[in-house]
Amino acid sequence: MAPKVQPPAAVVAFGNTAYALKIRPYWLGQILRGEKRLEIRGCRCAHPEKITLMETGTLLLRARATIAECRLMTDTEMVENHEAVSALDYKEYWAWTLTEVKILDPPIPVPSIVARGSVTWMLRARWEAWDKGLLRKPATIPDFFTAGAASTTGPSASSRSRSRSPPSGQDSEAKP
């Protein structure tokens, strides 16, 4: 069995960036090869600055880049980028222009607990919290059956007893 490799601290993983943008492997590959400079998204960029690029599915930080511009795509750009646009279903198509792409060699593995819950952006602050030991490991099935009322790794007893359905005999529209 190969030894486990400890991921670096957030300061190393993120460098001088605060956010990692998650991109699918096919499109990230094109960015890394210099074939693609526009990241096409369905909204304005929340962080137009220097960022880290993360490959979805692999939990790897692969590059750093700058989002130099964020604007609605023109009709000409929509035609030029028809492969990407046809794979998406957005109301609006925004072009996020990527510049200064620097490939990380080797790629940096992201601890799964750090990436958990991130959809578009992964935050450096979350990795820093992990570095400080502030992120708990996820609950496992055995955690629910441990002796004692308080478990340090699983959800609290009150959160386990919550239900989305109203108590028996009450209408879901009833006000408390």
C-alpha atoms as a PDB file:
ATOM      1  CA  MET A   1       0.000   0.000   0.000  1.00  0.00           C
ATOM      2  CA  ALA A   2       1.413   3.385  -1.034  1.00  0.00           C
ATOM      3  CA  PRO A   3       1.952   5.938   1.724  1.00  0.00           C
ATOM      4  CA  LYS A   4      -0.605   8.724   1.999  1.00  0.00           C
ATOM      5  CA  VAL A   5       0.621  12.029   0.630  1.00  0.00           C
ATOM      6  CA  GLN A   6      -0.168  14.982   2.879  1.00  0.00           C
ATOM      7  CA  PRO A   7      -1.521  17.945   0.872  1.00  0.00           C
ATOM      8  CA  PRO A   8       0.321  21.236   1.348  1.00  0.00           C
ATOM      9  CA  ALA A   9      -0.968  24.099   3.466  1.00  0.00           C
ATOM     10  CA  ALA A  10      -3.417  26.603   1.962  1.00  0.00           C
ATOM     11  CA  VAL A  11      -0.686  29.197   1.488  1.00  0.00           C
ATOM     12  CA  VAL A  12       1.137  26.808  -0.859  1.00  0.00           C
ATOM     13  CA  ALA A  13      -1.968  25.423  -2.572  1.00  0.00           C
ATOM     14  CA  PHE A  14      -3.552  28.798  -3.327  1.00  0.00           C
ATOM     15  CA  GLY A  15      -0.421  30.923  -3.676  1.00  0.00           C
ATOM     16  CA  ASN A  16      -1.575  34.538  -3.834  1.00  0.00           C
ATOM     17  CA  THR A  17      -5.207  33.707  -4.688  1.00  0.00           C
ATOM     18  CA  ALA A  18      -8.311  33.476  -2.494  1.00  0.00           C
ATOM     19  CA  TYR A  19     -10.579  31.409  -4.753  1.00  0.00           C
ATOM     20  CA  ALA A  20     -10.387  28.293  -6.900  1.00  0.00           C
ATOM     21  CA  LEU A  21     -12.743  28.093  -9.884  1.00  0.00           C
ATOM     22  CA  LYS A  22     -13.988  24.578 -10.588  1.00  0.00           C
ATOM     23  CA  ILE A  23     -13.832  23.634 -14.291  1.00  0.00           C
ATOM     24  CA  ARG A  24     -14.634  20.337 -16.010  1.00  0.00           C
ATOM     25  CA  PRO A  25     -11.578  18.380 -17.228  1.00  0.00           C
ATOM     26  CA  TYR A  26     -12.327  18.730 -20.969  1.00  0.00           C
ATOM     27  CA  TRP A  27     -12.561  22.531 -20.833  1.00  0.00           C
ATOM     28  CA  LEU A  28      -9.697  22.913 -18.358  1.00  0.00           C
ATOM     29  CA  GLY A  29      -7.505  20.847 -20.662  1.00  0.00           C
ATOM     30  CA  GLN A  30      -8.186  23.316 -23.466  1.00  0.00           C
ATOM     31  CA  ILE A  31      -7.306  26.217 -21.169  1.00  0.00           C
ATOM     32  CA  LEU A  32      -4.060  24.545 -20.084  1.00  0.00           C
ATOM     33  CA  ARG A  33      -3.087  23.892 -23.723  1.00  0.00           C
ATOM     34  CA  GLY A  34      -3.768  27.536 -24.628  1.00  0.00           C
ATOM     35  CA  GLU A  35      -6.659  26.613 -26.957  1.00  0.00           C
ATOM     36  CA  LYS A  36      -9.313  28.349 -24.868  1.00  0.00           C
ATOM     37  CA  ARG A  37      -9.164  31.780 -23.227  1.00  0.00           C
ATOM     38  CA  LEU A  38     -12.852  32.340 -22.475  1.00  0.00           C
ATOM     39  CA  GLU A  39     -14.569  30.565 -19.612  1.00  0.00           C
ATOM     40  CA  ILE A  40     -18.277  30.627 -20.455  1.00  0.00           C
ATOM     41  CA  ARG A  41     -20.668  30.886 -17.547  1.00  0.00           C
ATOM     42  CA  GLY A  42     -24.307  31.771 -16.973  1.00  0.00           C
ATOM     43  CA  CYS A  43     -23.640  34.776 -14.734  1.00  0.00           C
ATOM     44  CA  ARG A  44     -21.294  37.646 -14.079  1.00  0.00           C
ATOM     45  CA  CYS A  45     -18.016  36.670 -12.395  1.00  0.00           C
ATOM     46  CA  ALA A  46     -18.131  37.127  -8.627  1.00  0.00           C
ATOM     47  CA  HIS A  47     -14.325  37.236  -8.333  1.00  0.00           C
ATOM     48  CA  PRO A  48     -12.681  38.992 -11.308  1.00  0.00           C
ATOM     49  CA  GLU A  49      -9.128  38.696 -10.014  1.00  0.00           C
ATOM     50  CA  LYS A  50      -6.199  36.272  -9.858  1.00  0.00           C
ATOM     51  CA  ILE A  51      -7.596  32.780  -9.141  1.00  0.00           C
ATOM     52  CA  THR A  52      -6.616  29.128  -8.985  1.00  0.00           C
ATOM     53  CA  LEU A  53      -8.154  26.655 -11.460  1.00  0.00           C
ATOM     54  CA  MET A  54      -9.465  23.366 -10.044  1.00  0.00           C
ATOM     55  CA  GLU A  55     -10.330  20.325 -12.138  1.00  0.00           C
ATOM     56  CA  THR A  56     -13.712  18.878 -11.181  1.00  0.00           C
ATOM     57  CA  GLY A  57     -13.894  15.188 -10.435  1.00  0.00           C
ATOM     58  CA  THR A  58     -10.172  14.839  -9.714  1.00  0.00           C
ATOM     59  CA  LEU A  59      -9.854  17.291  -6.815  1.00  0.00           C
ATOM     60  CA  LEU A  60      -6.676  18.742  -8.317  1.00  0.00           C
ATOM     61  CA  LEU A  61      -5.553  22.362  -8.452  1.00  0.00           C
ATOM     62  CA  ARG A  62      -4.089  22.593 -11.951  1.00  0.00           C
ATOM     63  CA  ALA A  63      -3.237  26.243 -12.667  1.00  0.00           C
ATOM     64  CA  ARG A  64      -3.467  29.877 -11.683  1.00  0.00           C
ATOM     65  CA  ALA A  65      -4.916  32.546 -13.934  1.00  0.00           C
ATOM     66  CA  THR A  66      -6.336  36.041 -13.919  1.00  0.00           C
ATOM     67  CA  ILE A  67      -9.928  36.787 -14.845  1.00  0.00           C
ATOM     68  CA  ALA A  68      -9.170  39.980 -16.734  1.00  0.00           C
ATOM     69  CA  GLU A  69     -12.667  40.715 -18.002  1.00  0.00           C
ATOM     70  CA  CYS A  70     -16.257  39.610 -17.513  1.00  0.00           C
ATOM     71  CA  ARG A  71     -18.917  40.568 -20.064  1.00  0.00           C
ATOM     72  CA  LEU A  72     -21.945  39.300 -21.908  1.00  0.00           C
ATOM     73  CA  MET A  73     -20.936  37.358 -24.998  1.00  0.00           C
ATOM     74  CA  THR A  74     -21.539  38.868 -28.417  1.00  0.00           C
ATOM     75  CA  ASP A  75     -23.404  36.955 -31.139  1.00  0.00           C
ATOM     76  CA  THR A  76     -20.092  36.507 -32.971  1.00  0.00           C
ATOM     77  CA  GLU A  77     -18.486  34.983 -29.858  1.00  0.00           C
ATOM     78  CA  MET A  78     -21.479  32.688 -29.436  1.00  0.00           C
ATOM     79  CA  VAL A  79     -20.922  31.349 -32.962  1.00  0.00           C
ATOM     80  CA  GLU A  80     -17.129  31.102 -32.480  1.00  0.00           C
ATOM     81  CA  ASN A  81     -17.666  29.133 -29.254  1.00  0.00           C
ATOM     82  CA  HIS A  82     -20.595  27.048 -30.486  1.00  0.00           C
ATOM     83  CA  GLU A  83     -19.150  23.802 -29.037  1.00  0.00           C
ATOM     84  CA  ALA A  84     -19.210  25.179 -25.497  1.00  0.00           C
ATOM     85  CA  VAL A  85     -22.431  27.162 -25.880  1.00  0.00           C
ATOM     86  CA  SER A  86     -24.340  24.180 -27.290  1.00  0.00           C
ATOM     87  CA  ALA A  87     -23.329  22.102 -24.249  1.00  0.00           C
ATOM     88  CA  LEU A  88     -24.783  24.716 -21.885  1.00  0.00           C
ATOM     89  CA  ASP A  89     -28.294  25.874 -21.104  1.00  0.00           C
ATOM     90  CA  TYR A  90     -28.035  29.404 -19.730  1.00  0.00           C
ATOM     91  CA  LYS A  91     -30.390  32.377 -20.027  1.00  0.00           C
ATOM     92  CA  GLU A  92     -27.364  34.602 -20.634  1.00  0.00           C
ATOM     93  CA  TYR A  93     -23.851  33.662 -21.688  1.00  0.00           C
ATOM     94  CA  TRP A  94     -21.015  35.481 -19.964  1.00  0.00           C
ATOM     95  CA  ALA A  95     -17.416  35.466 -21.196  1.00  0.00           C
ATOM     96  CA  TRP A  96     -14.822  35.413 -18.443  1.00  0.00           C
ATOM     97  CA  THR A  97     -11.507  36.218 -20.148  1.00  0.00           C
ATOM     98  CA  LEU A  98      -8.608  34.238 -18.664  1.00  0.00           C
ATOM     99  CA  THR A  99      -5.076  35.623 -18.933  1.00  0.00           C
ATOM    100  CA  GLU A 100      -1.694  34.816 -17.379  1.00  0.00           C
ATOM    101  CA  VAL A 101      -2.426  31.079 -17.122  1.00  0.00           C
ATOM    102  CA  LYS A 102       0.366  29.374 -15.177  1.00  0.00           C
ATOM    103  CA  ILE A 103       0.227  25.574 -14.949  1.00  0.00           C
ATOM    104  CA  LEU A 104       0.949  24.003 -11.562  1.00  0.00           C
ATOM    105  CA  ASP A 105       3.432  21.162 -12.023  1.00  0.00           C
ATOM    106  CA  PRO A 106       2.758  18.911 -10.278  1.00  0.00           C
ATOM    107  CA  PRO A 107      -0.952  19.527  -9.686  1.00  0.00           C
ATOM    108  CA  ILE A 108      -1.927  19.993  -6.034  1.00  0.00           C
ATOM    109  CA  PRO A 109      -4.422  17.503  -4.536  1.00  0.00           C
ATOM    110  CA  VAL A 110      -7.339  19.016  -2.616  1.00  0.00           C
ATOM    111  CA  PRO A 111      -8.488  17.273   0.569  1.00  0.00           C
ATOM    112  CA  SER A 112     -12.056  16.092  -0.042  1.00  0.00           C
ATOM    113  CA  ILE A 113     -13.300  17.696   3.180  1.00  0.00           C
ATOM    114  CA  VAL A 114     -12.019  21.077   1.933  1.00  0.00           C
ATOM    115  CA  ALA A 115     -13.784  20.714  -1.429  1.00  0.00           C
ATOM    116  CA  ARG A 116     -17.014  19.394   0.107  1.00  0.00           C
ATOM    117  CA  GLY A 117     -19.975  21.662  -0.593  1.00  0.00           C
ATOM    118  CA  SER A 118     -18.263  23.888  -3.140  1.00  0.00           C
ATOM    119  CA  VAL A 119     -20.089  24.187  -6.434  1.00  0.00           C
ATOM    120  CA  THR A 120     -18.451  26.857  -8.572  1.00  0.00           C
ATOM    121  CA  TRP A 121     -15.846  28.299  -6.225  1.00  0.00           C
ATOM    122  CA  MET A 122     -13.715  26.694  -3.540  1.00  0.00           C
ATOM    123  CA  LEU A 123     -12.510  29.121  -0.876  1.00  0.00           C
ATOM    124  CA  ARG A 124      -8.967  29.448   0.397  1.00  0.00           C
ATOM    125  CA  ALA A 125     -10.454  30.308   3.809  1.00  0.00           C
ATOM    126  CA  ARG A 126     -11.965  26.820   3.995  1.00  0.00           C
ATOM    127  CA  TRP A 127      -8.543  25.212   3.384  1.00  0.00           C
ATOM    128  CA  GLU A 128      -7.040  27.522   6.024  1.00  0.00           C
ATOM    129  CA  ALA A 129      -9.717  26.345   8.489  1.00  0.00           C
ATOM    130  CA  TRP A 130      -8.722  22.758   7.679  1.00  0.00           C
ATOM    131  CA  ASP A 131      -5.052  23.639   8.262  1.00  0.00           C
ATOM    132  CA  LYS A 132      -6.033  24.883  11.740  1.00  0.00           C
ATOM    133  CA  GLY A 133      -8.009  21.703  12.494  1.00  0.00           C
ATOM    134  CA  LEU A 134     -11.356  23.496  12.492  1.00  0.00           C
ATOM    135  CA  LEU A 135     -13.098  21.283   9.909  1.00  0.00           C
ATOM    136  CA  ARG A 136     -14.588  18.087  11.306  1.00  0.00           C
ATOM    137  CA  LYS A 137     -14.353  14.820   9.502  1.00  0.00           C
ATOM    138  CA  PRO A 138     -17.657  13.838   7.890  1.00  0.00           C
ATOM    139  CA  ALA A 139     -20.022  11.646   9.878  1.00  0.00           C
ATOM    140  CA  THR A 140     -20.033   7.948   9.056  1.00  0.00           C
ATOM    141  CA  ILE A 141     -22.725   5.324   9.623  1.00  0.00           C
ATOM    142  CA  PRO A 142     -20.994   3.929  12.758  1.00  0.00           C
ATOM    143  CA  ASP A 143     -21.016   7.453  14.259  1.00  0.00           C
ATOM    144  CA  PHE A 144     -24.776   7.213  14.530  1.00  0.00           C
ATOM    145  CA  PHE A 145     -24.533   4.095  16.672  1.00  0.00           C
ATOM    146  CA  THR A 146     -21.790   5.118  19.086  1.00  0.00           C
ATOM    147  CA  ALA A 147     -22.435   4.865  22.797  1.00  0.00           C
ATOM    148  CA  GLY A 148     -23.147   8.139  24.582  1.00  0.00           C
ATOM    149  CA  ALA A 149     -25.341  11.044  23.649  1.00  0.00           C
ATOM    150  CA  ALA A 150     -22.623  13.308  22.235  1.00  0.00           C
ATOM    151  CA  SER A 151     -20.560  12.301  19.248  1.00  0.00           C
ATOM    152  CA  THR A 152     -17.693  14.561  18.235  1.00  0.00           C
ATOM    153  CA  THR A 153     -17.806  13.477  14.617  1.00  0.00           C
ATOM    154  CA  GLY A 154     -21.478  12.945  13.805  1.00  0.00           C
ATOM    155  CA  PRO A 155     -24.482  15.215  13.846  1.00  0.00           C
ATOM    156  CA  SER A 156     -26.041  16.143  17.163  1.00  0.00           C
ATOM    157  CA  ALA A 157     -29.012  14.226  18.515  1.00  0.00           C
ATOM    158  CA  SER A 158     -31.280  17.190  17.784  1.00  0.00           C
ATOM    159  CA  SER A 159     -30.228  17.366  14.128  1.00  0.00           C
ATOM    160  CA  ARG A 160     -30.734  13.599  13.685  1.00  0.00           C
ATOM    161  CA  SER A 161     -34.330  13.862  14.904  1.00  0.00           C
ATOM    162  CA  ARG A 162     -35.356  16.656  12.528  1.00  0.00           C
ATOM    163  CA  SER A 163     -37.772  15.796   9.785  1.00  0.00           C
ATOM    164  CA  ARG A 164     -38.891  17.666   6.695  1.00  0.00           C
ATOM    165  CA  SER A 165     -42.447  16.439   7.115  1.00  0.00           C
ATOM    166  CA  PRO A 166     -44.840  18.007   9.643  1.00  0.00           C
ATOM    167  CA  PRO A 167     -45.619  16.116  12.849  1.00  0.00           C
ATOM    168  CA  SER A 168     -48.335  13.519  12.532  1.00  0.00           C
ATOM    169  CA  GLY A 169     -51.834  14.991  12.363  1.00  0.00           C
ATOM    170  CA  GLN A 170     -50.707  18.504  11.359  1.00  0.00           C
ATOM    171  CA  ASP A 171     -51.236  20.082   7.975  1.00  0.00           C
ATOM    172  CA  SER A 172     -48.036  21.252   6.304  1.00  0.00           C
ATOM    173  CA  GLU A 173     -49.655  24.668   5.794  1.00  0.00           C
ATOM    174  CA  ALA A 174     -50.441  25.101   9.502  1.00  0.00           C
ATOM    175  CA  LYS A 175     -48.585  27.921  11.229  1.00  0.00           C
ATOM    176  CA  PRO A 176     -46.979  27.308  14.665  1.00  0.00           C
END
